[in-house]
Amino acid sequence: MSLMNLTATGLGKKIQNREVSAPEAVQAALDAIDLKEEKTNSFVTVDKEGALKRAKEVQKLIDTGELKSPIAGVPVAIKDNMCTKGILTTCSSKILGNFVPAYTAEAVLNLEKAGAVIIGKTNMDEFAMGSTTETSYYGATKNPWNTNHVPGGSSGGSCAAVAAEECIYALGSDTGGSIRQPSSFCGVTGMKPTYGTVSRYGLIAYGSSLDQIGPVAKDVTDCAAILGIIASHDPKDSTSVKRDDYDFTSALVDDIKGMKIGLPKDYFGNGLDREVKEAVLNAAKELEKKGAVIEEFDLSLVDYAIPAYYIIACAEASSNLARFDGVKYGYRTDSYNGLHNMYKKSRSEGFGAEVKRRIMLGSFVLSSGYYDAYYIKALKTKALIKKAFDSAFSKYDVILGPAAPTTAPELGKSLSDPLKMYLGDIYTISANLAGLPGITVPCGTDSKGLPVGLQLLGDCFKEKNIIRAAYAFEQTREYKHSPLS
């Protein structure tokens, strides 16, 4: 068996037992990238020299007994919107095409403290704006299951890299489903923790009240272990929450007897592909066989989630992206006439079409005369959505549904109709609006052989409920983690 077929904790155990060394594991990942990257385009930057040097350093610490982490020496890929000291960080945008940060994001730093080895930065939708990883300045990422299809987005590069076994696991960020939806499309496991659980320090912001970093891996065990490492209270992030318990692996028990699981009727109506619906409902039946109590209910307000999300996200994006002006860092136009002309030309040439669309929409809803009509109403709707979930979680431990209405669409089909792309986020964005944790696990394939993902949502700070349910479901089937394995 190739080292790249292993899970993160599986490979970490072999490294700790001296069955394989960290440099060997990293070299295996670099070889896989050389072999597969031309087909997938999962990476923006691959740091071969730095990764091999770091692997040797980590191996020494393992040999001396200083590093005993379950992921020490295991190669990881980082989504290209998290700052990494000394490594190019572009957000897959021309405007940051020359940006090399002077510091590292807190979540990535936590991984490095545990002995992780960064092999590179993964492709993404430009500034995380998109659902297909086609808006990247560096070209579209392809789905390893079928390279004529998208991997989803915006963390499509991270999910495709894990699915193609170019890395063992990866970090992504989730603003409206950007970890869970591409995990579904690529047949891997992806998790968004409760808002504030993982520090956003060093994450280049899209929507500050919605963004959250999370793990992408081959199974639930890996996600639980990685989340326990990256989660921490960080005084540098004003939204960071101090939690009493970061041991998420304690929820890895195959026992869900009596667990109450709600199925929102709103999630299984019009617009949901028949094969996706069938796979998700079959997964619910498997959980019921294991003793869970499955019940349908009305969640309500689902129709309002998409407009509320895009108003809030675009408003925050227009504010956050104002800092990219060609003055302090990043791209600056070659020829300009005066300061204002330099601003305009640098931003016009540096940002892609989707980013410009969302900046303009955000500026519009925040402008005088429209602020109350749109932005304030969206915030009120967000509060009502949170209230609806609070009501649901007073009755249920977990909410079960699809991660996306269809399997991965073909390349080019979503970009031609942005509104259709936005509607594809219908099952994931509510969790970001309410700050809830969510996890996507593979639950089957469609007639084209493309993966279908099952999404489980929990109440705030109740990650253990969704980890337990996801782990129990995972035990009911044999997974083919990668189409290439």
Protein backbone atom coordinates (compact mmCIF):
# COMPACT_ATOMS: atom_id res chain seq x y z
CA MET A 1 0.00 0.00 0.00
CA SER A 2 1.21 3.50 -0.87
CA LEU A 3 1.78 5.88 2.03
CA MET A 4 -0.66 8.28 0.34
CA ASN A 5 -3.49 5.72 0.77
CA LEU A 6 -3.25 6.11 4.54
CA THR A 7 -5.26 8.43 6.76
CA ALA A 8 -3.49 11.22 8.67
CA THR A 9 -3.70 9.41 12.01
CA GLY A 10 -2.74 6.12 10.33
CA LEU A 11 0.38 7.61 8.78
CA GLY A 12 1.15 9.50 11.99
CA LYS A 13 1.10 6.22 13.92
CA LYS A 14 3.52 4.61 11.47
CA ILE A 15 5.87 7.59 11.82
CA GLN A 16 5.71 7.39 15.64
CA ASN A 17 6.41 3.63 15.46
CA ARG A 18 9.44 4.30 13.21
CA GLU A 19 7.92 2.20 10.40
CA VAL A 20 8.35 5.19 8.10
CA SER A 21 10.11 8.55 8.48
CA ALA A 22 8.67 12.04 8.08
CA PRO A 23 10.97 12.81 5.10
CA GLU A 24 9.74 9.61 3.38
CA ALA A 25 6.11 10.62 3.94
CA VAL A 26 6.71 14.11 2.58
CA GLN A 27 8.62 12.78 -0.43
CA ALA A 28 5.68 10.45 -1.18
CA ALA A 29 3.34 13.46 -1.21
CA LEU A 30 5.67 15.48 -3.45
CA ASP A 31 5.94 12.53 -5.86
CA ALA A 32 2.15 12.26 -5.96
CA ILE A 33 1.86 15.97 -6.76
CA ASP A 34 4.40 15.62 -9.59
CA LEU A 35 2.36 12.74 -10.98
CA LYS A 36 -1.18 14.10 -10.62
CA GLU A 37 -1.06 17.88 -10.45
CA GLU A 38 -1.26 18.43 -14.21
CA LYS A 39 -4.68 16.75 -14.20
CA THR A 40 -6.13 18.28 -11.02
CA ASN A 41 -4.51 21.75 -10.64
CA SER A 42 -5.06 21.50 -6.88
CA PHE A 43 -2.08 23.65 -5.86
CA VAL A 44 -1.03 27.26 -6.40
CA THR A 45 2.31 26.79 -4.63
CA VAL A 46 4.31 23.65 -3.78
CA ASP A 47 7.18 24.22 -1.34
CA LYS A 48 9.36 21.17 -2.05
CA GLU A 49 12.58 22.46 -0.53
CA GLY A 50 10.92 23.91 2.57
CA ALA A 51 8.80 20.79 3.16
CA LEU A 52 11.75 18.39 3.00
CA LYS A 53 13.83 20.62 5.29
CA ARG A 54 10.95 20.85 7.78
CA ALA A 55 10.40 17.06 7.62
CA LYS A 56 14.00 16.41 8.70
CA GLU A 57 13.59 18.85 11.63
CA VAL A 58 10.35 17.18 12.71
CA GLN A 59 11.90 13.72 12.47
CA LYS A 60 14.64 14.74 14.89
CA LEU A 61 12.02 15.93 17.41
CA ILE A 62 10.11 12.65 17.01
CA ASP A 63 13.32 10.65 17.53
CA THR A 64 14.10 12.53 20.75
CA GLY A 65 10.54 12.02 22.03
CA GLU A 66 9.68 15.75 22.01
CA LEU A 67 6.91 15.33 19.42
CA LYS A 68 4.20 12.75 20.12
CA SER A 69 1.30 14.32 18.25
CA PRO A 70 -0.87 11.96 16.13
CA ILE A 71 -0.07 14.04 13.02
CA ALA A 72 3.64 14.71 13.63
CA GLY A 73 5.54 14.38 10.34
CA VAL A 74 2.36 14.06 8.26
CA PRO A 75 2.26 16.29 5.13
CA VAL A 76 -0.58 18.83 4.98
CA ALA A 77 -1.81 21.28 2.35
CA ILE A 78 -3.13 24.73 3.35
CA LYS A 79 -5.81 26.69 1.52
CA ASP A 80 -4.20 29.71 -0.09
CA ASN A 81 -6.11 32.29 2.00
CA MET A 82 -4.23 31.46 5.21
CA CYS A 83 -1.03 33.37 5.80
CA THR A 84 2.14 31.27 5.88
CA LYS A 85 5.39 32.99 6.78
CA GLY A 86 7.83 32.93 3.88
CA ILE A 87 5.42 31.09 1.53
CA LEU A 88 3.46 32.85 -1.22
CA THR A 89 -0.17 33.48 -0.16
CA THR A 90 -2.34 34.66 -3.06
CA CYS A 91 -6.01 33.95 -2.31
CA SER A 92 -5.85 32.73 -5.94
CA SER A 93 -5.98 36.36 -7.05
CA LYS A 94 -3.75 38.45 -9.30
CA ILE A 95 -3.88 41.27 -6.75
CA LEU A 96 -1.96 39.13 -4.21
CA GLY A 97 0.20 37.36 -6.78
CA ASN A 98 3.43 38.58 -5.11
CA PHE A 99 2.36 38.55 -1.44
CA VAL A 100 4.64 36.65 0.95
CA PRO A 101 3.41 37.10 4.57
CA ALA A 102 5.70 37.94 7.47
CA TYR A 103 3.65 35.80 9.87
CA THR A 104 1.67 32.55 9.97
CA ALA A 105 -2.05 32.10 10.66
CA GLU A 106 -2.79 30.84 14.18
CA ALA A 107 -4.51 27.63 13.00
CA VAL A 108 -1.53 26.77 10.78
CA LEU A 109 0.85 27.63 13.63
CA ASN A 110 -1.03 25.17 15.87
CA LEU A 111 -0.51 22.47 13.24
CA GLU A 112 3.19 23.26 12.99
CA LYS A 113 3.55 23.07 16.79
CA ALA A 114 2.09 19.56 16.54
CA GLY A 115 4.70 18.62 13.94
CA ALA A 116 2.73 18.98 10.70
CA VAL A 117 4.72 19.56 7.51
CA ILE A 118 3.27 22.08 5.02
CA ILE A 119 3.84 20.92 1.46
CA GLY A 120 2.04 23.76 -0.30
CA LYS A 121 -0.92 26.08 -0.74
CA THR A 122 -4.07 24.89 -2.47
CA ASN A 123 -6.07 26.51 -5.25
CA MET A 124 -9.40 28.15 -4.41
CA ASP A 125 -12.06 30.47 -5.78
CA GLU A 126 -10.58 33.96 -5.81
CA PHE A 127 -10.85 35.39 -2.27
CA ALA A 128 -13.13 32.38 -1.52
CA MET A 129 -15.86 33.85 -3.72
CA GLY A 130 -17.41 31.01 -5.67
CA SER A 131 -18.69 27.47 -5.34
CA THR A 132 -16.64 25.67 -7.99
CA THR A 133 -12.95 26.75 -7.76
CA GLU A 134 -13.29 28.13 -11.27
CA THR A 135 -12.87 31.82 -10.37
CA SER A 136 -9.18 31.29 -9.48
CA TYR A 137 -6.66 33.47 -11.32
CA TYR A 138 -4.51 30.32 -11.59
CA GLY A 139 -7.10 28.29 -13.49
CA ALA A 140 -9.85 25.89 -12.44
CA THR A 141 -9.22 22.88 -10.23
CA LYS A 142 -10.61 19.60 -11.60
CA ASN A 143 -12.53 16.95 -9.68
CA PRO A 144 -10.33 13.81 -9.35
CA TRP A 145 -13.41 11.56 -9.76
CA ASN A 146 -14.04 13.05 -13.21
CA THR A 147 -11.80 15.86 -14.47
CA ASN A 148 -14.61 17.22 -16.66
CA HIS A 149 -16.41 18.22 -13.46
CA VAL A 150 -15.74 20.86 -10.80
CA PRO A 151 -14.49 19.94 -7.31
CA GLY A 152 -16.80 22.48 -5.67
CA GLY A 153 -15.58 25.50 -3.78
CA SER A 154 -14.21 27.64 -2.52
CA SER A 155 -11.96 25.05 -0.81
CA GLY A 156 -11.94 22.95 -3.99
CA GLY A 157 -8.15 22.76 -4.16
CA SER A 158 -7.91 21.35 -0.62
CA CYS A 159 -10.68 18.79 -1.21
CA ALA A 160 -9.36 17.75 -4.64
CA ALA A 161 -5.82 17.37 -3.23
CA VAL A 162 -7.07 15.03 -0.48
CA ALA A 163 -9.29 13.08 -2.92
CA ALA A 164 -6.44 12.72 -5.44
CA GLU A 165 -4.10 11.69 -2.60
CA GLU A 166 -1.67 14.52 -3.33
CA CYS A 167 -1.70 15.25 0.40
CA ILE A 168 -2.89 13.31 3.44
CA TYR A 169 -5.18 16.05 4.76
CA ALA A 170 -5.72 19.78 4.29
CA LEU A 171 -7.12 22.92 5.86
CA GLY A 172 -9.97 24.82 4.25
CA SER A 173 -12.16 27.75 5.21
CA ASP A 174 -15.97 27.76 5.26
CA THR A 175 -17.95 30.98 4.72
CA GLY A 176 -21.14 29.53 3.24
CA GLY A 177 -20.31 25.85 2.85
CA SER A 178 -16.86 26.19 1.32
CA ILE A 179 -15.53 23.11 3.14
CA ARG A 180 -18.66 20.97 3.27
CA GLN A 181 -19.85 21.37 -0.34
CA PRO A 182 -16.52 20.56 -2.08
CA SER A 183 -16.00 17.69 0.38
CA SER A 184 -19.32 16.32 -0.84
CA PHE A 185 -18.35 16.75 -4.50
CA CYS A 186 -14.92 15.15 -3.99
CA GLY A 187 -15.98 12.25 -1.76
CA VAL A 188 -13.93 13.28 1.28
CA THR A 189 -14.83 14.30 4.84
CA GLY A 190 -14.87 18.01 5.70
CA MET A 191 -15.83 19.81 8.88
CA LYS A 192 -16.80 23.36 9.82
CA PRO A 193 -16.58 23.90 13.59
CA THR A 194 -18.69 26.32 15.62
CA TYR A 195 -17.85 29.96 14.80
CA GLY A 196 -15.04 31.13 17.10
CA THR A 197 -13.63 27.66 17.84
CA VAL A 198 -10.66 28.07 15.46
CA SER A 199 -8.81 31.39 15.38
CA ARG A 200 -9.31 33.51 12.25
CA TYR A 201 -6.03 35.35 12.86
CA GLY A 202 -4.07 35.13 9.61
CA LEU A 203 -7.10 34.03 7.56
CA ILE A 204 -7.52 36.63 4.80
CA ALA A 205 -11.10 37.71 5.40
CA TYR A 206 -14.05 37.36 3.05
CA GLY A 207 -17.03 37.63 5.42
CA SER A 208 -15.70 38.14 8.94
CA SER A 209 -18.89 37.13 10.76
CA LEU A 210 -19.17 33.92 8.70
CA ASP A 211 -15.62 32.65 7.98
CA GLN A 212 -14.33 29.64 9.90
CA ILE A 213 -11.30 27.38 9.33
CA GLY A 214 -11.76 23.61 9.40
CA PRO A 215 -10.17 20.28 8.41
CA VAL A 216 -10.56 18.28 5.18
CA ALA A 217 -9.52 14.63 5.50
CA LYS A 218 -10.25 11.04 4.51
CA ASP A 219 -12.39 10.11 7.49
CA VAL A 220 -14.14 11.36 10.62
CA THR A 221 -11.33 10.22 12.93
CA ASP A 222 -8.85 12.46 11.11
CA CYS A 223 -11.21 15.45 11.21
CA ALA A 224 -11.75 15.05 14.96
CA ALA A 225 -8.02 14.72 15.66
CA ILE A 226 -7.07 17.69 13.44
CA LEU A 227 -9.81 19.90 14.87
CA GLY A 228 -8.51 19.20 18.37
CA ILE A 229 -5.10 20.50 17.27
CA ILE A 230 -6.12 23.64 15.35
CA ALA A 231 -8.82 24.77 17.81
CA SER A 232 -7.65 27.20 20.49
CA HIS A 233 -8.51 30.45 22.19
CA ASP A 234 -6.56 33.26 20.56
CA PRO A 235 -6.48 36.78 22.08
CA LYS A 236 -5.39 38.09 18.65
CA ASP A 237 -8.85 37.21 17.31
CA SER A 238 -11.68 39.13 19.02
CA THR A 239 -14.22 36.49 17.92
CA SER A 240 -12.21 33.57 19.34
CA VAL A 241 -14.01 31.59 22.05
CA LYS A 242 -12.33 29.92 25.01
CA ARG A 243 -13.66 26.38 25.34
CA ASP A 244 -13.26 23.96 28.23
CA ASP A 245 -12.86 20.86 26.10
CA TYR A 246 -10.86 20.41 22.88
CA ASP A 247 -10.78 16.61 22.95
CA PHE A 248 -13.04 15.93 19.97
CA THR A 249 -11.67 12.40 19.51
CA SER A 250 -13.59 11.27 22.63
CA ALA A 251 -16.74 11.40 20.47
CA LEU A 252 -15.43 8.65 18.17
CA VAL A 253 -17.75 5.98 19.53
CA ASP A 254 -20.02 3.73 17.48
CA ASP A 255 -23.07 4.25 19.68
CA ILE A 256 -26.00 6.49 18.73
CA LYS A 257 -28.82 4.68 20.50
CA GLY A 258 -31.50 7.21 21.43
CA MET A 259 -29.86 10.07 19.51
CA LYS A 260 -32.60 12.29 18.05
CA ILE A 261 -31.97 13.26 14.43
CA GLY A 262 -34.17 15.76 12.60
CA LEU A 263 -34.77 15.76 8.83
CA PRO A 264 -35.92 19.21 7.64
CA LYS A 265 -38.76 18.75 5.12
CA ASP A 266 -37.55 21.97 3.46
CA TYR A 267 -34.26 20.24 2.51
CA PHE A 268 -35.92 17.38 0.63
CA GLY A 269 -38.33 19.26 -1.64
CA ASN A 270 -38.05 20.72 -5.14
CA GLY A 271 -34.59 21.26 -6.56
CA LEU A 272 -32.96 18.26 -4.89
CA ASP A 273 -31.59 15.71 -7.34
CA ARG A 274 -33.35 12.33 -7.07
CA GLU A 275 -30.14 10.31 -6.69
CA VAL A 276 -28.80 12.67 -4.01
CA LYS A 277 -32.08 12.49 -2.10
CA GLU A 278 -32.09 8.69 -2.28
CA ALA A 279 -28.48 8.39 -1.02
CA VAL A 280 -29.07 10.79 1.90
CA LEU A 281 -32.33 9.14 2.99
CA ASN A 282 -30.66 5.72 2.81
CA ALA A 283 -27.97 7.09 5.14
CA ALA A 284 -30.71 8.22 7.54
CA LYS A 285 -32.13 4.67 7.50
CA GLU A 286 -28.70 3.27 8.39
CA LEU A 287 -28.51 5.57 11.40
CA GLU A 288 -32.04 4.54 12.37
CA LYS A 289 -30.97 0.86 12.27
CA LYS A 290 -28.25 1.76 14.77
CA GLY A 291 -30.80 3.10 17.24
CA ALA A 292 -31.13 6.76 16.31
CA VAL A 293 -34.62 8.32 16.38
CA ILE A 294 -35.31 9.90 12.97
CA GLU A 295 -38.07 12.48 12.63
CA GLU A 296 -39.14 14.95 9.96
CA PHE A 297 -39.81 18.57 10.91
CA ASP A 298 -40.33 22.02 9.40
CA LEU A 299 -37.23 24.20 9.73
CA SER A 300 -38.76 27.21 7.91
CA LEU A 301 -36.92 30.33 6.69
CA VAL A 302 -34.80 28.25 4.27
CA ASP A 303 -35.96 30.39 1.34
CA TYR A 304 -34.59 33.50 3.04
CA ALA A 305 -31.15 32.08 3.83
CA ILE A 306 -29.59 32.69 0.41
CA PRO A 307 -30.57 36.38 0.04
CA ALA A 308 -29.62 37.10 3.68
CA TYR A 309 -26.27 35.33 3.28
CA TYR A 310 -25.26 37.06 0.04
CA ILE A 311 -26.23 40.50 1.32
CA ILE A 312 -24.23 40.07 4.55
CA ALA A 313 -21.26 38.30 2.93
CA CYS A 314 -20.95 40.81 0.09
CA ALA A 315 -21.29 43.76 2.47
CA GLU A 316 -18.46 42.40 4.63
CA ALA A 317 -16.40 41.56 1.55
CA SER A 318 -16.67 45.10 0.15
CA SER A 319 -15.31 46.39 3.46
CA ASN A 320 -12.61 43.73 3.90
CA LEU A 321 -11.30 44.00 0.34
CA ALA A 322 -10.93 47.78 0.51
CA ARG A 323 -7.43 47.21 1.94
CA PHE A 324 -6.18 45.81 -1.38
CA ASP A 325 -5.43 49.08 -3.12
CA GLY A 326 -1.93 48.69 -4.59
CA VAL A 327 -0.29 50.81 -1.89
CA LYS A 328 1.07 48.64 0.94
CA TYR A 329 1.33 45.19 -0.66
CA GLY A 330 0.14 43.15 -3.60
CA TYR A 331 -0.31 44.08 -7.23
CA ARG A 332 0.09 47.68 -8.43
CA THR A 333 -0.70 48.76 -11.99
CA ASP A 334 2.30 49.64 -14.16
CA SER A 335 1.10 53.02 -15.41
CA TYR A 336 -1.23 55.46 -13.69
CA ASN A 337 -1.95 59.17 -13.36
CA GLY A 338 -2.29 60.21 -9.74
CA LEU A 339 -3.27 58.34 -6.58
CA HIS A 340 -6.96 57.77 -7.32
CA ASN A 341 -6.20 56.52 -10.81
CA MET A 342 -3.66 54.11 -9.29
CA TYR A 343 -6.32 52.77 -6.89
CA LYS A 344 -8.84 52.27 -9.70
CA LYS A 345 -6.46 50.65 -12.17
CA SER A 346 -4.80 48.39 -9.58
CA ARG A 347 -8.16 47.09 -8.35
CA SER A 348 -9.68 46.82 -11.84
CA GLU A 349 -6.71 44.83 -13.13
CA GLY A 350 -6.09 42.87 -9.92
CA PHE A 351 -9.59 41.56 -9.08
CA GLY A 352 -11.52 39.01 -11.14
CA ALA A 353 -15.12 39.30 -12.33
CA GLU A 354 -16.79 37.43 -9.44
CA VAL A 355 -14.92 39.45 -6.81
CA LYS A 356 -15.86 42.71 -8.54
CA ARG A 357 -19.50 41.58 -8.69
CA ARG A 358 -19.60 40.93 -4.95
CA ILE A 359 -17.73 44.13 -4.03
CA MET A 360 -20.24 46.15 -6.07
CA LEU A 361 -23.20 44.35 -4.53
CA GLY A 362 -21.77 44.85 -1.05
CA SER A 363 -21.07 48.54 -1.64
CA PHE A 364 -24.62 48.95 -2.92
CA VAL A 365 -26.36 47.38 0.10
CA LEU A 366 -24.20 49.44 2.48
CA SER A 367 -24.81 52.72 0.66
CA SER A 368 -26.99 55.51 2.01
CA GLY A 369 -30.65 54.84 1.31
CA TYR A 370 -30.19 51.08 0.89
CA TYR A 371 -28.53 50.17 4.21
CA ASP A 372 -31.86 49.89 6.06
CA ALA A 373 -33.69 48.34 3.12
CA TYR A 374 -31.22 45.52 2.58
CA TYR A 375 -28.40 45.12 5.09
CA ILE A 376 -30.40 45.68 8.29
CA LYS A 377 -33.16 43.37 7.03
CA ALA A 378 -30.57 40.70 6.24
CA LEU A 379 -29.19 40.93 9.79
CA LYS A 380 -32.71 40.58 11.21
CA THR A 381 -33.29 37.54 9.00
CA LYS A 382 -29.99 36.07 10.22
CA ALA A 383 -31.26 36.40 13.81
CA LEU A 384 -34.54 34.68 12.88
CA ILE A 385 -32.65 31.81 11.22
CA LYS A 386 -30.59 31.35 14.38
CA LYS A 387 -33.83 31.34 16.41
CA ALA A 388 -35.30 28.65 14.12
CA PHE A 389 -32.23 26.46 14.66
CA ASP A 390 -32.36 27.05 18.43
CA SER A 391 -35.94 25.77 18.37
CA ALA A 392 -34.92 22.74 16.30
CA PHE A 393 -32.01 21.87 18.60
CA SER A 394 -34.30 21.98 21.63
CA LYS A 395 -35.82 18.79 20.14
CA TYR A 396 -32.98 17.21 18.14
CA ASP A 397 -29.32 16.39 18.78
CA VAL A 398 -28.41 16.51 15.09
CA ILE A 399 -29.98 17.77 11.85
CA LEU A 400 -29.42 15.58 8.80
CA GLY A 401 -29.61 16.60 5.16
CA PRO A 402 -27.77 16.82 1.84
CA ALA A 403 -24.66 18.98 1.47
CA ALA A 404 -25.61 20.11 -2.04
CA PRO A 405 -28.68 19.75 -4.29
CA THR A 406 -26.73 17.87 -6.98
CA THR A 407 -23.44 16.08 -7.46
CA ALA A 408 -20.52 18.03 -9.01
CA PRO A 409 -21.60 19.95 -12.15
CA GLU A 410 -19.53 20.03 -15.30
CA LEU A 411 -16.79 22.63 -15.69
CA GLY A 412 -18.04 25.91 -17.15
CA LYS A 413 -21.75 25.36 -16.48
CA SER A 414 -21.95 27.24 -13.17
CA LEU A 415 -19.89 30.27 -14.16
CA SER A 416 -22.23 31.03 -17.05
CA ASP A 417 -25.08 31.49 -14.54
CA PRO A 418 -23.86 33.03 -11.25
CA LEU A 419 -27.37 32.97 -9.75
CA LYS A 420 -27.56 29.21 -10.25
CA MET A 421 -24.16 28.89 -8.54
CA TYR A 422 -25.45 30.93 -5.58
CA LEU A 423 -28.56 28.72 -5.26
CA GLY A 424 -26.31 25.66 -4.98
CA ASP A 425 -25.36 26.83 -1.46
CA ILE A 426 -28.91 26.45 -0.13
CA TYR A 427 -28.17 23.57 2.29
CA THR A 428 -24.91 24.89 3.72
CA ILE A 429 -25.19 28.65 4.26
CA SER A 430 -27.66 28.54 7.17
CA ALA A 431 -24.98 26.93 9.38
CA ASN A 432 -22.69 29.93 8.79
CA LEU A 433 -25.46 32.44 9.45
CA ALA A 434 -26.21 30.69 12.75
CA GLY A 435 -22.56 29.90 13.61
CA LEU A 436 -23.28 26.15 13.80
CA PRO A 437 -20.86 23.23 13.38
CA GLY A 438 -21.35 20.94 10.38
CA ILE A 439 -19.68 17.91 8.84
CA THR A 440 -19.96 16.26 5.42
CA VAL A 441 -19.25 12.56 4.93
CA PRO A 442 -19.53 10.51 1.71
CA CYS A 443 -22.74 8.44 1.52
CA GLY A 444 -22.73 7.06 -2.01
CA THR A 445 -22.30 7.88 -5.69
CA ASP A 446 -24.69 8.79 -8.48
CA SER A 447 -25.14 7.00 -11.83
CA LYS A 448 -22.16 8.97 -13.23
CA GLY A 449 -19.90 7.70 -10.46
CA LEU A 450 -19.72 11.11 -8.74
CA PRO A 451 -19.76 11.24 -4.91
CA VAL A 452 -22.79 12.24 -2.83
CA GLY A 453 -22.25 13.87 0.56
CA LEU A 454 -24.32 13.57 3.74
CA GLN A 455 -24.38 16.73 5.90
CA LEU A 456 -24.86 16.66 9.66
CA LEU A 457 -25.42 19.88 11.62
CA GLY A 458 -25.19 20.33 15.39
CA ASP A 459 -25.99 23.02 17.92
CA CYS A 460 -23.30 25.57 18.78
CA PHE A 461 -20.33 23.95 20.58
CA LYS A 462 -21.88 20.48 20.13
CA GLU A 463 -19.34 19.19 17.61
CA LYS A 464 -19.22 15.91 19.49
CA ASN A 465 -22.81 15.11 18.51
CA ILE A 466 -22.12 15.40 14.79
CA ILE A 467 -18.77 13.61 15.10
CA ARG A 468 -20.47 10.72 16.90
CA ALA A 469 -23.26 10.48 14.32
CA ALA A 470 -20.85 10.79 11.38
CA TYR A 471 -18.50 8.18 12.86
CA ALA A 472 -21.40 5.76 13.46
CA PHE A 473 -22.55 6.13 9.87
CA GLU A 474 -18.99 5.71 8.59
CA GLN A 475 -18.85 2.28 10.25
CA THR A 476 -21.77 1.04 8.13
CA ARG A 477 -19.89 1.08 4.83
CA GLU A 478 -16.58 0.50 3.13
CA TYR A 479 -15.22 3.76 1.77
CA LYS A 480 -13.23 4.26 -1.36
CA HIS A 481 -11.56 7.45 -0.18
CA SER A 482 -10.00 8.26 -3.51
CA PRO A 483 -10.88 7.45 -7.13
CA LEU A 484 -7.15 6.94 -7.68
CA SER A 485 -6.50 4.44 -4.88
